[in-house]
Amino acid sequence: MDPPDGETPGGWWTHYLASSERVRRYAAARGVPAAIGETRLDLRGDQLIAETRAADGTLLIRVTARVGTPAPRRTTATTATSPATTAS
């Protein structure tokens, strides 16, 4: 599959919603059902909400995720022991 910019790798599509006419034409030329749509991202603190809507405003996909740098993992300190010595 040849990407529009000649560099970005493609993937498998079942459908495509985009606000860009160029991208819709690209997808449709490859047999992918393409329609006008829009995805909006709303980031508040560490919560990201992504909503994809059809041209008529119908909500199709809504995803909520926590984003940011994960907290450091807790580690348990271990004590090193030396091997037992045997008297001869």
N, C-alpha and C. Protein backbone atom coordinates (compact mmCIF):
# COMPACT_ATOMS: atom_id res chain seq x y z
N MET A 1 0.85 -1.16 0.00
CA MET A 1 0.00 0.00 0.00
C MET A 1 0.90 1.23 0.00
N ASP A 2 0.62 2.18 -0.86
CA ASP A 2 1.41 3.41 -0.94
C ASP A 2 0.74 4.51 -0.11
N PRO A 3 1.41 4.98 0.94
CA PRO A 3 0.83 6.04 1.76
C PRO A 3 0.85 7.38 1.03
N PRO A 4 -0.04 8.31 1.40
CA PRO A 4 -0.10 9.60 0.71
C PRO A 4 1.22 10.36 0.71
N ASP A 5 1.97 10.25 1.80
CA ASP A 5 3.23 11.00 1.86
C ASP A 5 4.43 10.17 1.39
N GLY A 6 4.20 8.91 1.00
CA GLY A 6 5.28 8.07 0.51
C GLY A 6 6.15 7.48 1.60
N GLU A 7 5.88 7.80 2.87
CA GLU A 7 6.74 7.34 3.96
C GLU A 7 6.00 6.64 5.09
N THR A 8 4.84 7.16 5.46
CA THR A 8 4.13 6.63 6.61
C THR A 8 3.56 5.26 6.30
N PRO A 9 3.86 4.25 7.15
CA PRO A 9 3.35 2.90 6.86
C PRO A 9 1.83 2.84 7.00
N GLY A 10 1.21 1.95 6.26
CA GLY A 10 -0.23 1.78 6.31
C GLY A 10 -0.63 0.69 7.28
N GLY A 11 -1.87 0.33 7.28
CA GLY A 11 -2.38 -0.72 8.16
C GLY A 11 -3.65 -1.31 7.57
N TRP A 12 -4.33 -2.12 8.35
CA TRP A 12 -5.58 -2.74 7.91
C TRP A 12 -6.73 -1.82 8.27
N TRP A 13 -7.66 -1.63 7.35
CA TRP A 13 -8.79 -0.75 7.58
C TRP A 13 -10.09 -1.51 7.41
N THR A 14 -11.06 -1.21 8.26
CA THR A 14 -12.42 -1.71 8.05
C THR A 14 -13.30 -0.56 7.59
N HIS A 15 -12.93 0.65 7.94
CA HIS A 15 -13.63 1.86 7.54
C HIS A 15 -12.71 3.03 7.88
N TYR A 16 -13.02 4.19 7.39
CA TYR A 16 -12.20 5.35 7.66
C TYR A 16 -13.06 6.58 7.74
N LEU A 17 -12.90 7.35 8.81
CA LEU A 17 -13.59 8.62 8.98
C LEU A 17 -12.53 9.70 9.06
N ALA A 18 -12.65 10.72 8.25
CA ALA A 18 -11.64 11.77 8.25
C ALA A 18 -12.25 13.09 7.82
N SER A 19 -11.69 14.17 8.35
CA SER A 19 -12.14 15.49 7.93
C SER A 19 -11.41 15.93 6.67
N SER A 20 -10.34 15.24 6.31
CA SER A 20 -9.54 15.59 5.14
C SER A 20 -10.06 14.89 3.87
N GLU A 21 -10.44 15.70 2.88
CA GLU A 21 -10.89 15.14 1.60
C GLU A 21 -9.79 14.31 0.95
N ARG A 22 -8.56 14.77 1.05
CA ARG A 22 -7.42 14.04 0.46
C ARG A 22 -7.29 12.63 1.06
N VAL A 23 -7.40 12.54 2.37
CA VAL A 23 -7.29 11.24 3.04
C VAL A 23 -8.47 10.34 2.69
N ARG A 24 -9.66 10.91 2.60
CA ARG A 24 -10.84 10.10 2.22
C ARG A 24 -10.67 9.56 0.81
N ARG A 25 -10.18 10.38 -0.11
CA ARG A 25 -9.96 9.90 -1.49
C ARG A 25 -8.93 8.78 -1.51
N TYR A 26 -7.85 8.94 -0.73
CA TYR A 26 -6.81 7.92 -0.66
C TYR A 26 -7.38 6.59 -0.17
N ALA A 27 -8.16 6.64 0.91
CA ALA A 27 -8.74 5.42 1.46
C ALA A 27 -9.73 4.80 0.48
N ALA A 28 -10.61 5.61 -0.09
CA ALA A 28 -11.62 5.11 -1.01
C ALA A 28 -10.99 4.48 -2.26
N ALA A 29 -9.89 5.04 -2.73
CA ALA A 29 -9.20 4.49 -3.92
C ALA A 29 -8.64 3.10 -3.64
N ARG A 30 -8.50 2.74 -2.36
CA ARG A 30 -7.98 1.43 -1.99
C ARG A 30 -9.07 0.50 -1.50
N GLY A 31 -10.34 0.89 -1.77
CA GLY A 31 -11.46 0.03 -1.43
C GLY A 31 -11.96 0.13 -0.01
N VAL A 32 -11.52 1.14 0.72
CA VAL A 32 -11.93 1.29 2.11
C VAL A 32 -13.13 2.23 2.16
N PRO A 33 -14.21 1.83 2.83
CA PRO A 33 -15.33 2.76 2.99
C PRO A 33 -14.86 4.01 3.74
N ALA A 34 -14.96 5.16 3.12
CA ALA A 34 -14.47 6.40 3.72
C ALA A 34 -15.60 7.42 3.78
N ALA A 35 -15.72 8.09 4.90
CA ALA A 35 -16.78 9.08 5.07
C ALA A 35 -16.23 10.26 5.87
N ILE A 36 -16.99 11.36 5.80
CA ILE A 36 -16.62 12.54 6.58
C ILE A 36 -16.82 12.22 8.05
N GLY A 37 -15.85 12.55 8.84
CA GLY A 37 -15.93 12.33 10.28
C GLY A 37 -14.88 13.16 10.97
N GLU A 38 -14.88 13.08 12.28
CA GLU A 38 -13.96 13.91 13.05
C GLU A 38 -13.66 13.23 14.39
N THR A 39 -12.42 13.32 14.81
CA THR A 39 -12.02 12.85 16.14
C THR A 39 -11.51 14.05 16.92
N ARG A 40 -12.02 14.20 18.11
CA ARG A 40 -11.59 15.28 18.99
C ARG A 40 -10.95 14.68 20.24
N LEU A 41 -9.87 15.31 20.67
CA LEU A 41 -9.16 14.88 21.87
C LEU A 41 -9.33 15.94 22.95
N ASP A 42 -9.62 15.50 24.17
CA ASP A 42 -9.78 16.40 25.30
C ASP A 42 -8.89 15.88 26.43
N LEU A 43 -7.84 16.63 26.75
CA LEU A 43 -6.90 16.23 27.79
C LEU A 43 -7.09 17.14 28.98
N ARG A 44 -7.42 16.56 30.12
CA ARG A 44 -7.59 17.30 31.37
C ARG A 44 -6.83 16.56 32.46
N GLY A 45 -5.71 17.15 32.86
CA GLY A 45 -4.85 16.48 33.83
C GLY A 45 -4.28 15.22 33.21
N ASP A 46 -4.53 14.08 33.85
CA ASP A 46 -4.02 12.82 33.30
C ASP A 46 -5.11 12.02 32.58
N GLN A 47 -6.28 12.65 32.34
CA GLN A 47 -7.37 11.96 31.65
C GLN A 47 -7.50 12.45 30.21
N LEU A 48 -7.45 11.51 29.28
CA LEU A 48 -7.61 11.82 27.86
C LEU A 48 -8.91 11.18 27.38
N ILE A 49 -9.75 11.98 26.74
CA ILE A 49 -10.98 11.47 26.14
C ILE A 49 -10.89 11.72 24.64
N ALA A 50 -11.06 10.66 23.86
CA ALA A 50 -11.08 10.77 22.40
C ALA A 50 -12.48 10.38 21.93
N GLU A 51 -13.10 11.24 21.14
CA GLU A 51 -14.42 10.96 20.59
C GLU A 51 -14.38 11.08 19.08
N THR A 52 -14.89 10.06 18.40
CA THR A 52 -15.00 10.08 16.95
C THR A 52 -16.47 10.16 16.60
N ARG A 53 -16.79 11.13 15.76
CA ARG A 53 -18.19 11.36 15.37
C ARG A 53 -18.34 11.34 13.85
N ALA A 54 -19.50 10.91 13.41
CA ALA A 54 -19.85 10.96 11.99
C ALA A 54 -20.16 12.41 11.61
N ALA A 55 -20.32 12.66 10.33
CA ALA A 55 -20.58 14.02 9.85
C ALA A 55 -21.83 14.64 10.47
N ASP A 56 -22.83 13.81 10.79
CA ASP A 56 -24.06 14.34 11.38
C ASP A 56 -23.96 14.52 12.89
N GLY A 57 -22.76 14.27 13.46
CA GLY A 57 -22.56 14.46 14.89
C GLY A 57 -22.79 13.22 15.73
N THR A 58 -23.23 12.12 15.10
CA THR A 58 -23.46 10.88 15.84
C THR A 58 -22.15 10.38 16.44
N LEU A 59 -22.16 10.15 17.75
CA LEU A 59 -20.99 9.62 18.43
C LEU A 59 -20.82 8.15 18.05
N LEU A 60 -19.65 7.82 17.51
CA LEU A 60 -19.37 6.45 17.08
C LEU A 60 -18.42 5.72 18.03
N ILE A 61 -17.41 6.43 18.49
CA ILE A 61 -16.40 5.83 19.36
C ILE A 61 -16.04 6.84 20.45
N ARG A 62 -15.98 6.37 21.69
CA ARG A 62 -15.53 7.23 22.80
C ARG A 62 -14.58 6.40 23.64
N VAL A 63 -13.37 6.91 23.80
CA VAL A 63 -12.35 6.20 24.57
C VAL A 63 -11.83 7.14 25.65
N THR A 64 -11.71 6.62 26.86
CA THR A 64 -11.14 7.37 27.97
C THR A 64 -9.90 6.62 28.44
N ALA A 65 -8.81 7.36 28.63
CA ALA A 65 -7.56 6.75 29.07
C ALA A 65 -6.85 7.66 30.05
N ARG A 66 -6.05 7.06 30.90
CA ARG A 66 -5.18 7.82 31.79
C ARG A 66 -3.83 7.91 31.10
N VAL A 67 -3.28 9.10 31.01
CA VAL A 67 -2.02 9.32 30.30
C VAL A 67 -1.00 10.00 31.21
N GLY A 68 0.25 9.92 30.81
CA GLY A 68 1.30 10.58 31.56
C GLY A 68 2.40 9.61 31.90
N THR A 69 3.29 10.06 32.73
CA THR A 69 4.41 9.24 33.15
C THR A 69 3.95 8.33 34.28
N PRO A 70 4.18 7.02 34.13
CA PRO A 70 3.75 6.11 35.20
C PRO A 70 4.55 6.35 36.47
N ALA A 71 3.93 6.07 37.59
CA ALA A 71 4.63 6.19 38.88
C ALA A 71 5.76 5.18 38.93
N PRO A 72 6.83 5.52 39.61
CA PRO A 72 7.94 4.57 39.71
C PRO A 72 7.48 3.27 40.38
N ARG A 73 8.05 2.16 39.94
CA ARG A 73 7.72 0.87 40.54
C ARG A 73 8.36 0.78 41.91
N ARG A 74 7.63 0.21 42.81
CA ARG A 74 8.19 -0.02 44.15
C ARG A 74 9.08 -1.24 44.10
N THR A 75 10.20 -1.13 44.70
CA THR A 75 11.10 -2.28 44.76
C THR A 75 11.31 -2.65 46.22
N THR A 76 11.54 -3.91 46.45
CA THR A 76 11.81 -4.39 47.79
C THR A 76 13.30 -4.58 47.93
N ALA A 77 13.86 -4.01 48.98
CA ALA A 77 15.29 -4.17 49.21
C ALA A 77 15.59 -5.60 49.62
N THR A 78 16.66 -6.12 49.10
CA THR A 78 17.08 -7.46 49.49
C THR A 78 18.43 -7.36 50.16
N THR A 79 18.67 -8.25 51.05
CA THR A 79 19.94 -8.26 51.75
C THR A 79 20.82 -9.34 51.14
N ALA A 80 22.00 -8.94 50.76
CA ALA A 80 22.93 -9.91 50.19
C ALA A 80 23.55 -10.72 51.31
N THR A 81 23.66 -11.99 51.11
CA THR A 81 24.29 -12.85 52.11
C THR A 81 25.54 -13.45 51.52
N SER A 82 26.52 -13.64 52.36
CA SER A 82 27.74 -14.28 51.85
C SER A 82 27.63 -15.78 52.02
N PRO A 83 28.30 -16.54 51.17
CA PRO A 83 28.20 -18.00 51.28
C PRO A 83 28.77 -18.48 52.61
N ALA A 84 28.20 -19.53 53.14
CA ALA A 84 28.67 -20.09 54.41
C ALA A 84 30.07 -20.67 54.24
N THR A 85 30.84 -20.50 55.24
CA THR A 85 32.20 -21.08 55.19
C THR A 85 32.22 -22.34 56.04
N THR A 86 32.98 -23.28 55.64
CA THR A 86 33.09 -24.52 56.40
C THR A 86 34.50 -24.65 56.96
N ALA A 87 34.56 -25.09 58.19
CA ALA A 87 35.88 -25.29 58.82
C ALA A 87 36.40 -26.66 58.44
N SER A 88 37.68 -26.72 58.19
CA SER A 88 38.23 -28.02 57.86
C SER A 88 38.98 -28.62 59.01
